[in-house]
């Protein structure tokens, strides 16, 4: 789930945090959506 985007400027920590949390939240949303679909 950890994807590296080389366009992200690593000299700006806030961009790294937003990029990382954005992808993690996307993975969590898909995880819960699939879990809800499977179990309910």
C-alpha atoms as a PDB file:
ATOM      1  CA  UNK A   1       0.000   0.000   0.000  1.00  0.00           C
ATOM      2  CA  UNK A   2       3.047   2.233   0.393  1.00  0.00           C
ATOM      3  CA  UNK A   3       3.541   3.723  -3.037  1.00  0.00           C
ATOM      4  CA  UNK A   4       6.405   6.073  -3.847  1.00  0.00           C
ATOM      5  CA  UNK A   5       5.612   9.088  -5.968  1.00  0.00           C
ATOM      6  CA  UNK A   6       8.835  10.666  -7.209  1.00  0.00           C
ATOM      7  CA  UNK A   7       7.027  13.910  -7.984  1.00  0.00           C
ATOM      8  CA  UNK A   8       6.641  14.568  -4.263  1.00  0.00           C
ATOM      9  CA  UNK A   9       9.224  17.053  -3.038  1.00  0.00           C
ATOM     10  CA  UNK A  10      10.962  15.441  -0.100  1.00  0.00           C
ATOM     11  CA  UNK A  11      12.248  18.783   1.146  1.00  0.00           C
ATOM     12  CA  UNK A  12       8.713  19.648   2.269  1.00  0.00           C
ATOM     13  CA  UNK A  13       7.751  17.322   5.157  1.00  0.00           C
ATOM     14  CA  UNK A  14       4.102  18.431   5.165  1.00  0.00           C
ATOM     15  CA  UNK A  15       3.689  17.175   1.596  1.00  0.00           C
ATOM     16  CA  UNK A  16       5.136  13.807   2.595  1.00  0.00           C
ATOM     17  CA  UNK A  17       2.712  13.555   5.516  1.00  0.00           C
ATOM     18  CA  UNK A  18      -0.303  14.524   3.407  1.00  0.00           C
ATOM     19  CA  UNK A  19       0.738  12.128   0.646  1.00  0.00           C
ATOM     20  CA  UNK A  20       1.289   9.258   3.094  1.00  0.00           C
ATOM     21  CA  UNK A  21      -1.923   9.768   5.065  1.00  0.00           C
ATOM     22  CA  UNK A  22      -3.878  10.254   1.844  1.00  0.00           C
ATOM     23  CA  UNK A  23      -2.839   6.832   0.565  1.00  0.00           C
ATOM     24  CA  UNK A  24      -3.320   5.161   3.948  1.00  0.00           C
ATOM     25  CA  UNK A  25      -6.830   6.599   4.318  1.00  0.00           C
ATOM     26  CA  UNK A  26      -7.645   5.393   0.806  1.00  0.00           C
ATOM     27  CA  UNK A  27      -6.502   1.882   1.741  1.00  0.00           C
ATOM     28  CA  UNK A  28      -8.546   1.958   4.950  1.00  0.00           C
ATOM     29  CA  UNK A  29     -11.664   3.114   3.115  1.00  0.00           C
ATOM     30  CA  UNK A  30     -11.324   0.270   0.597  1.00  0.00           C
ATOM     31  CA  UNK A  31     -10.631  -2.205   3.400  1.00  0.00           C
ATOM     32  CA  UNK A  32     -13.741  -1.257   5.366  1.00  0.00           C
ATOM     33  CA  UNK A  33     -15.876  -1.089   2.222  1.00  0.00           C
ATOM     34  CA  UNK A  34     -14.842  -4.599   1.150  1.00  0.00           C
ATOM     35  CA  UNK A  35     -15.217  -5.931   4.694  1.00  0.00           C
ATOM     36  CA  UNK A  36     -18.717  -4.463   4.969  1.00  0.00           C
ATOM     37  CA  UNK A  37     -19.646  -5.902   1.566  1.00  0.00           C
ATOM     38  CA  UNK A  38     -18.330  -9.363   2.463  1.00  0.00           C
ATOM     39  CA  UNK A  39     -19.679  -9.642   6.003  1.00  0.00           C
ATOM     40  CA  UNK A  40     -22.937  -7.729   5.503  1.00  0.00           C
END
